[in-house]
Amino acid sequence: MTDCLFCKIVAGEIPADVVLDREGVLAFRDINPQAPVHVLVIPKEHIQDATTIRPTHGGVLTEMIAAAGEIASAGDVDQSGYRLVFNVGPDAGQTVLHLHMHLLGGRPMAWPPG
């Protein structure tokens, strides 16, 4: 999508602090971090949000989760714990309409969130 912020990051049109680049996913630091480790993991293919995921997206979802594990290990939060979050819609806090998973770690997480 030509007007999608994350698609522009994938295309290299907008800079990002990239922490991992794989065939189907890209991960970069959130510009408004909510934890010491706050990374967004996105599919390179434009998928609007979790409601538009189809069975054919299984591979990219697996790649996103595997990437999160790798990033958590590199960020030294794999042992203490981390949170993976998909927001869907404005009430959940989704501001960019491109599927993305937040990896948050490096501090205790409260429940319920928000």
N, C-alpha and C. Protein backbone atom coordinates (compact mmCIF):
# COMPACT_ATOMS: atom_id res chain seq x y z
N MET A 1 0.85 -1.18 0.00
CA MET A 1 0.00 0.00 0.00
C MET A 1 0.89 1.24 0.00
N THR A 2 0.61 2.15 -0.85
CA THR A 2 1.47 3.31 -1.03
C THR A 2 1.40 4.31 0.12
N ASP A 3 0.30 4.33 0.89
CA ASP A 3 0.17 5.31 1.96
C ASP A 3 0.39 4.70 3.35
N CYS A 4 0.82 3.47 3.42
CA CYS A 4 1.02 2.78 4.70
C CYS A 4 2.41 3.07 5.24
N LEU A 5 2.46 3.59 6.46
CA LEU A 5 3.73 3.93 7.11
C LEU A 5 4.67 2.73 7.18
N PHE A 6 4.15 1.58 7.60
CA PHE A 6 5.01 0.41 7.75
C PHE A 6 5.44 -0.15 6.41
N CYS A 7 4.61 -0.06 5.39
CA CYS A 7 5.03 -0.48 4.05
C CYS A 7 6.18 0.41 3.56
N LYS A 8 6.12 1.69 3.89
CA LYS A 8 7.20 2.61 3.52
C LYS A 8 8.50 2.27 4.26
N ILE A 9 8.38 1.83 5.50
CA ILE A 9 9.57 1.39 6.25
C ILE A 9 10.15 0.15 5.60
N VAL A 10 9.29 -0.81 5.25
CA VAL A 10 9.75 -2.04 4.57
C VAL A 10 10.46 -1.69 3.27
N ALA A 11 9.93 -0.72 2.53
CA ALA A 11 10.50 -0.32 1.24
C ALA A 11 11.77 0.52 1.39
N GLY A 12 12.10 0.91 2.61
CA GLY A 12 13.28 1.74 2.83
C GLY A 12 13.05 3.21 2.57
N GLU A 13 11.81 3.62 2.42
CA GLU A 13 11.49 5.03 2.16
C GLU A 13 11.48 5.86 3.43
N ILE A 14 11.28 5.21 4.56
CA ILE A 14 11.29 5.88 5.86
C ILE A 14 12.27 5.11 6.73
N PRO A 15 13.18 5.83 7.41
CA PRO A 15 14.17 5.14 8.25
C PRO A 15 13.54 4.55 9.50
N ALA A 16 14.13 3.48 9.99
CA ALA A 16 13.72 2.85 11.24
C ALA A 16 14.95 2.23 11.88
N ASP A 17 14.89 2.04 13.18
CA ASP A 17 15.97 1.39 13.92
C ASP A 17 15.71 -0.12 13.85
N VAL A 18 16.15 -0.71 12.75
CA VAL A 18 15.88 -2.12 12.47
C VAL A 18 16.74 -3.01 13.35
N VAL A 19 16.09 -4.00 13.99
CA VAL A 19 16.81 -4.95 14.82
C VAL A 19 16.85 -6.34 14.20
N LEU A 20 15.98 -6.60 13.23
CA LEU A 20 15.97 -7.90 12.57
C LEU A 20 15.28 -7.76 11.22
N ASP A 21 15.88 -8.37 10.20
CA ASP A 21 15.33 -8.33 8.85
C ASP A 21 15.39 -9.74 8.30
N ARG A 22 14.24 -10.34 8.07
CA ARG A 22 14.14 -11.69 7.53
C ARG A 22 13.35 -11.64 6.22
N GLU A 23 13.26 -12.77 5.58
CA GLU A 23 12.57 -12.83 4.29
C GLU A 23 11.16 -12.26 4.35
N GLY A 24 10.40 -12.65 5.35
CA GLY A 24 9.00 -12.23 5.41
C GLY A 24 8.65 -11.23 6.48
N VAL A 25 9.60 -10.92 7.37
CA VAL A 25 9.30 -9.99 8.47
C VAL A 25 10.42 -8.99 8.69
N LEU A 26 10.04 -7.88 9.28
CA LEU A 26 10.97 -6.83 9.65
C LEU A 26 10.65 -6.45 11.09
N ALA A 27 11.67 -6.20 11.90
CA ALA A 27 11.47 -5.78 13.28
C ALA A 27 12.29 -4.53 13.54
N PHE A 28 11.67 -3.58 14.21
CA PHE A 28 12.34 -2.31 14.50
C PHE A 28 11.84 -1.76 15.82
N ARG A 29 12.66 -0.90 16.42
CA ARG A 29 12.33 -0.32 17.72
C ARG A 29 11.16 0.66 17.57
N ASP A 30 10.26 0.61 18.54
CA ASP A 30 9.11 1.52 18.56
C ASP A 30 9.62 2.93 18.85
N ILE A 31 9.08 3.93 18.16
CA ILE A 31 9.53 5.31 18.37
C ILE A 31 8.98 5.91 19.66
N ASN A 32 7.99 5.25 20.27
CA ASN A 32 7.42 5.70 21.54
C ASN A 32 7.42 4.50 22.51
N PRO A 33 8.59 4.08 22.95
CA PRO A 33 8.69 2.84 23.73
C PRO A 33 7.93 2.90 25.05
N GLN A 34 7.27 1.78 25.36
CA GLN A 34 6.52 1.64 26.60
C GLN A 34 7.22 0.71 27.58
N ALA A 35 8.39 0.25 27.21
CA ALA A 35 9.21 -0.62 28.05
C ALA A 35 10.65 -0.48 27.58
N PRO A 36 11.62 -0.88 28.40
CA PRO A 36 13.01 -0.81 27.96
C PRO A 36 13.27 -1.53 26.64
N VAL A 37 12.61 -2.65 26.45
CA VAL A 37 12.65 -3.33 25.14
C VAL A 37 11.26 -3.21 24.56
N HIS A 38 11.13 -2.48 23.46
CA HIS A 38 9.83 -2.33 22.78
C HIS A 38 10.12 -2.33 21.28
N VAL A 39 9.85 -3.48 20.68
CA VAL A 39 10.14 -3.70 19.27
C VAL A 39 8.85 -4.07 18.56
N LEU A 40 8.67 -3.56 17.37
CA LEU A 40 7.54 -3.94 16.52
C LEU A 40 8.02 -4.97 15.51
N VAL A 41 7.28 -6.06 15.40
CA VAL A 41 7.58 -7.09 14.42
C VAL A 41 6.43 -7.08 13.41
N ILE A 42 6.77 -6.85 12.14
CA ILE A 42 5.73 -6.71 11.12
C ILE A 42 5.98 -7.66 9.96
N PRO A 43 4.90 -8.09 9.29
CA PRO A 43 5.11 -8.82 8.05
C PRO A 43 5.49 -7.82 6.95
N LYS A 44 6.34 -8.24 6.04
CA LYS A 44 6.69 -7.35 4.93
C LYS A 44 5.52 -7.19 3.97
N GLU A 45 4.69 -8.21 3.91
CA GLU A 45 3.45 -8.15 3.12
C GLU A 45 2.45 -7.30 3.90
N HIS A 46 1.71 -6.46 3.19
CA HIS A 46 0.70 -5.65 3.88
C HIS A 46 -0.49 -6.52 4.26
N ILE A 47 -0.71 -6.63 5.57
CA ILE A 47 -1.89 -7.26 6.14
C ILE A 47 -2.45 -6.21 7.08
N GLN A 48 -3.70 -5.85 6.94
CA GLN A 48 -4.23 -4.72 7.71
C GLN A 48 -4.19 -4.94 9.21
N ASP A 49 -4.71 -6.04 9.68
CA ASP A 49 -4.71 -6.33 11.12
C ASP A 49 -5.04 -7.80 11.32
N ALA A 50 -5.16 -8.21 12.57
CA ALA A 50 -5.39 -9.63 12.86
C ALA A 50 -6.71 -10.15 12.32
N THR A 51 -7.68 -9.26 12.07
CA THR A 51 -8.97 -9.72 11.54
C THR A 51 -8.89 -10.09 10.07
N THR A 52 -7.83 -9.69 9.40
CA THR A 52 -7.69 -9.98 7.97
C THR A 52 -6.70 -11.10 7.68
N ILE A 53 -6.24 -11.77 8.74
CA ILE A 53 -5.34 -12.91 8.58
C ILE A 53 -6.10 -14.08 7.96
N ARG A 54 -5.49 -14.73 7.02
CA ARG A 54 -6.07 -15.89 6.33
C ARG A 54 -5.18 -17.10 6.58
N PRO A 55 -5.69 -18.30 6.31
CA PRO A 55 -4.87 -19.51 6.50
C PRO A 55 -3.53 -19.45 5.76
N THR A 56 -3.48 -18.75 4.66
CA THR A 56 -2.23 -18.64 3.89
C THR A 56 -1.17 -17.81 4.61
N HIS A 57 -1.54 -17.11 5.67
CA HIS A 57 -0.60 -16.28 6.42
C HIS A 57 0.11 -17.04 7.54
N GLY A 58 -0.15 -18.34 7.66
CA GLY A 58 0.44 -19.12 8.74
C GLY A 58 1.95 -19.03 8.79
N GLY A 59 2.59 -19.06 7.64
CA GLY A 59 4.06 -19.00 7.60
C GLY A 59 4.60 -17.69 8.13
N VAL A 60 3.99 -16.59 7.77
CA VAL A 60 4.49 -15.29 8.22
C VAL A 60 4.22 -15.10 9.71
N LEU A 61 3.11 -15.64 10.20
CA LEU A 61 2.85 -15.55 11.64
C LEU A 61 3.88 -16.36 12.43
N THR A 62 4.21 -17.53 11.93
CA THR A 62 5.25 -18.34 12.56
C THR A 62 6.57 -17.59 12.54
N GLU A 63 6.88 -16.96 11.43
CA GLU A 63 8.13 -16.19 11.31
C GLU A 63 8.14 -15.01 12.28
N MET A 64 6.99 -14.37 12.49
CA MET A 64 6.90 -13.25 13.43
C MET A 64 7.18 -13.71 14.86
N ILE A 65 6.57 -14.84 15.26
CA ILE A 65 6.77 -15.35 16.61
C ILE A 65 8.22 -15.80 16.81
N ALA A 66 8.78 -16.46 15.83
CA ALA A 66 10.18 -16.91 15.92
C ALA A 66 11.11 -15.69 16.00
N ALA A 67 10.82 -14.65 15.23
CA ALA A 67 11.63 -13.43 15.28
C ALA A 67 11.56 -12.80 16.67
N ALA A 68 10.37 -12.79 17.27
CA ALA A 68 10.22 -12.23 18.61
C ALA A 68 11.09 -12.98 19.62
N GLY A 69 11.13 -14.29 19.51
CA GLY A 69 11.98 -15.07 20.41
C GLY A 69 13.44 -14.73 20.26
N GLU A 70 13.86 -14.56 19.02
CA GLU A 70 15.25 -14.20 18.74
C GLU A 70 15.59 -12.82 19.30
N ILE A 71 14.67 -11.88 19.12
CA ILE A 71 14.88 -10.51 19.60
C ILE A 71 14.89 -10.48 21.13
N ALA A 72 13.98 -11.24 21.75
CA ALA A 72 13.92 -11.30 23.21
C ALA A 72 15.23 -11.84 23.76
N SER A 73 15.77 -12.85 23.12
CA SER A 73 17.04 -13.42 23.55
C SER A 73 18.16 -12.40 23.42
N ALA A 74 18.21 -11.71 22.29
CA ALA A 74 19.24 -10.70 22.06
C ALA A 74 19.10 -9.52 23.02
N GLY A 75 17.86 -9.23 23.44
CA GLY A 75 17.61 -8.12 24.36
C GLY A 75 17.66 -8.52 25.81
N ASP A 76 18.07 -9.77 26.06
CA ASP A 76 18.21 -10.30 27.43
C ASP A 76 16.90 -10.26 28.23
N VAL A 77 15.76 -10.44 27.57
CA VAL A 77 14.49 -10.51 28.29
C VAL A 77 13.84 -11.89 28.13
N ASP A 78 14.54 -12.80 27.46
CA ASP A 78 13.97 -14.13 27.24
C ASP A 78 13.82 -14.91 28.54
N GLN A 79 14.66 -14.69 29.52
CA GLN A 79 14.58 -15.42 30.78
C GLN A 79 13.64 -14.73 31.78
N SER A 80 13.66 -13.41 31.82
CA SER A 80 12.82 -12.68 32.78
C SER A 80 11.37 -12.59 32.31
N GLY A 81 11.17 -12.65 31.01
CA GLY A 81 9.81 -12.62 30.46
C GLY A 81 9.56 -11.40 29.59
N TYR A 82 8.64 -11.57 28.68
CA TYR A 82 8.27 -10.48 27.78
C TYR A 82 6.83 -10.70 27.34
N ARG A 83 6.25 -9.67 26.77
CA ARG A 83 4.86 -9.72 26.33
C ARG A 83 4.81 -9.49 24.82
N LEU A 84 3.93 -10.26 24.16
CA LEU A 84 3.66 -10.08 22.73
C LEU A 84 2.22 -9.61 22.60
N VAL A 85 2.01 -8.52 21.86
CA VAL A 85 0.68 -7.91 21.77
C VAL A 85 0.35 -7.57 20.32
N PHE A 86 -0.86 -7.97 19.90
CA PHE A 86 -1.45 -7.51 18.65
C PHE A 86 -2.63 -6.62 19.03
N ASN A 87 -2.62 -5.36 18.61
CA ASN A 87 -3.76 -4.47 18.82
C ASN A 87 -4.61 -4.49 17.56
N VAL A 88 -5.93 -4.47 17.74
CA VAL A 88 -6.85 -4.47 16.60
C VAL A 88 -7.87 -3.36 16.81
N GLY A 89 -7.79 -2.34 15.98
CA GLY A 89 -8.76 -1.25 16.03
C GLY A 89 -8.36 -0.13 16.97
N PRO A 90 -9.05 1.00 16.84
CA PRO A 90 -8.69 2.19 17.60
C PRO A 90 -8.86 2.05 19.11
N ASP A 91 -9.88 1.35 19.58
CA ASP A 91 -10.07 1.20 21.03
C ASP A 91 -8.95 0.38 21.66
N ALA A 92 -8.31 -0.46 20.88
CA ALA A 92 -7.18 -1.26 21.38
C ALA A 92 -5.85 -0.51 21.24
N GLY A 93 -5.86 0.61 20.54
CA GLY A 93 -4.65 1.40 20.39
C GLY A 93 -3.93 1.22 19.07
N GLN A 94 -4.57 0.54 18.09
CA GLN A 94 -3.91 0.37 16.79
C GLN A 94 -3.96 1.70 16.05
N THR A 95 -2.79 2.25 15.77
CA THR A 95 -2.71 3.54 15.07
C THR A 95 -2.21 3.40 13.64
N VAL A 96 -1.56 2.28 13.33
CA VAL A 96 -1.09 2.02 11.96
C VAL A 96 -1.82 0.78 11.46
N LEU A 97 -2.52 0.91 10.35
CA LEU A 97 -3.30 -0.20 9.81
C LEU A 97 -2.42 -1.13 8.98
N HIS A 98 -1.50 -1.76 9.65
CA HIS A 98 -0.61 -2.78 9.10
C HIS A 98 -0.35 -3.71 10.28
N LEU A 99 -0.62 -4.99 10.11
CA LEU A 99 -0.43 -5.94 11.20
C LEU A 99 0.94 -5.75 11.83
N HIS A 100 0.97 -5.65 13.14
CA HIS A 100 2.25 -5.56 13.85
C HIS A 100 2.08 -6.12 15.25
N MET A 101 3.15 -6.74 15.69
CA MET A 101 3.19 -7.35 17.01
C MET A 101 4.19 -6.56 17.85
N HIS A 102 3.75 -6.13 19.02
CA HIS A 102 4.63 -5.45 19.95
C HIS A 102 5.34 -6.50 20.80
N LEU A 103 6.63 -6.38 20.92
CA LEU A 103 7.41 -7.17 21.88
C LEU A 103 7.83 -6.19 22.96
N LEU A 104 7.36 -6.43 24.19
CA LEU A 104 7.64 -5.55 25.32
C LEU A 104 8.33 -6.34 26.41
N GLY A 105 9.41 -5.81 26.94
CA GLY A 105 10.12 -6.49 28.01
C GLY A 105 11.07 -5.56 28.72
N GLY A 106 11.73 -6.10 29.73
CA GLY A 106 12.71 -5.32 30.47
C GLY A 106 12.15 -4.65 31.70
N ARG A 107 10.88 -4.92 32.01
CA ARG A 107 10.25 -4.41 33.23
C ARG A 107 9.07 -5.31 33.56
N PRO A 108 8.62 -5.32 34.81
CA PRO A 108 7.44 -6.10 35.14
C PRO A 108 6.22 -5.56 34.40
N MET A 109 5.38 -6.46 33.95
CA MET A 109 4.15 -6.10 33.23
C MET A 109 2.96 -6.31 34.16
N ALA A 110 2.08 -5.33 34.22
CA ALA A 110 0.89 -5.44 35.05
C ALA A 110 -0.23 -6.14 34.29
N TRP A 111 -1.18 -6.67 35.07
CA TRP A 111 -2.38 -7.26 34.46
C TRP A 111 -3.57 -6.83 35.29
N PRO A 112 -4.63 -6.36 34.70
CA PRO A 112 -4.80 -6.27 33.26
C PRO A 112 -4.03 -5.09 32.69
N PRO A 113 -3.67 -5.19 31.41
CA PRO A 113 -2.93 -4.10 30.76
C PRO A 113 -3.84 -2.90 30.53
N GLY A 114 -3.21 -1.76 30.24
CA GLY A 114 -3.93 -0.56 29.87
C GLY A 114 -4.74 -0.04 30.99
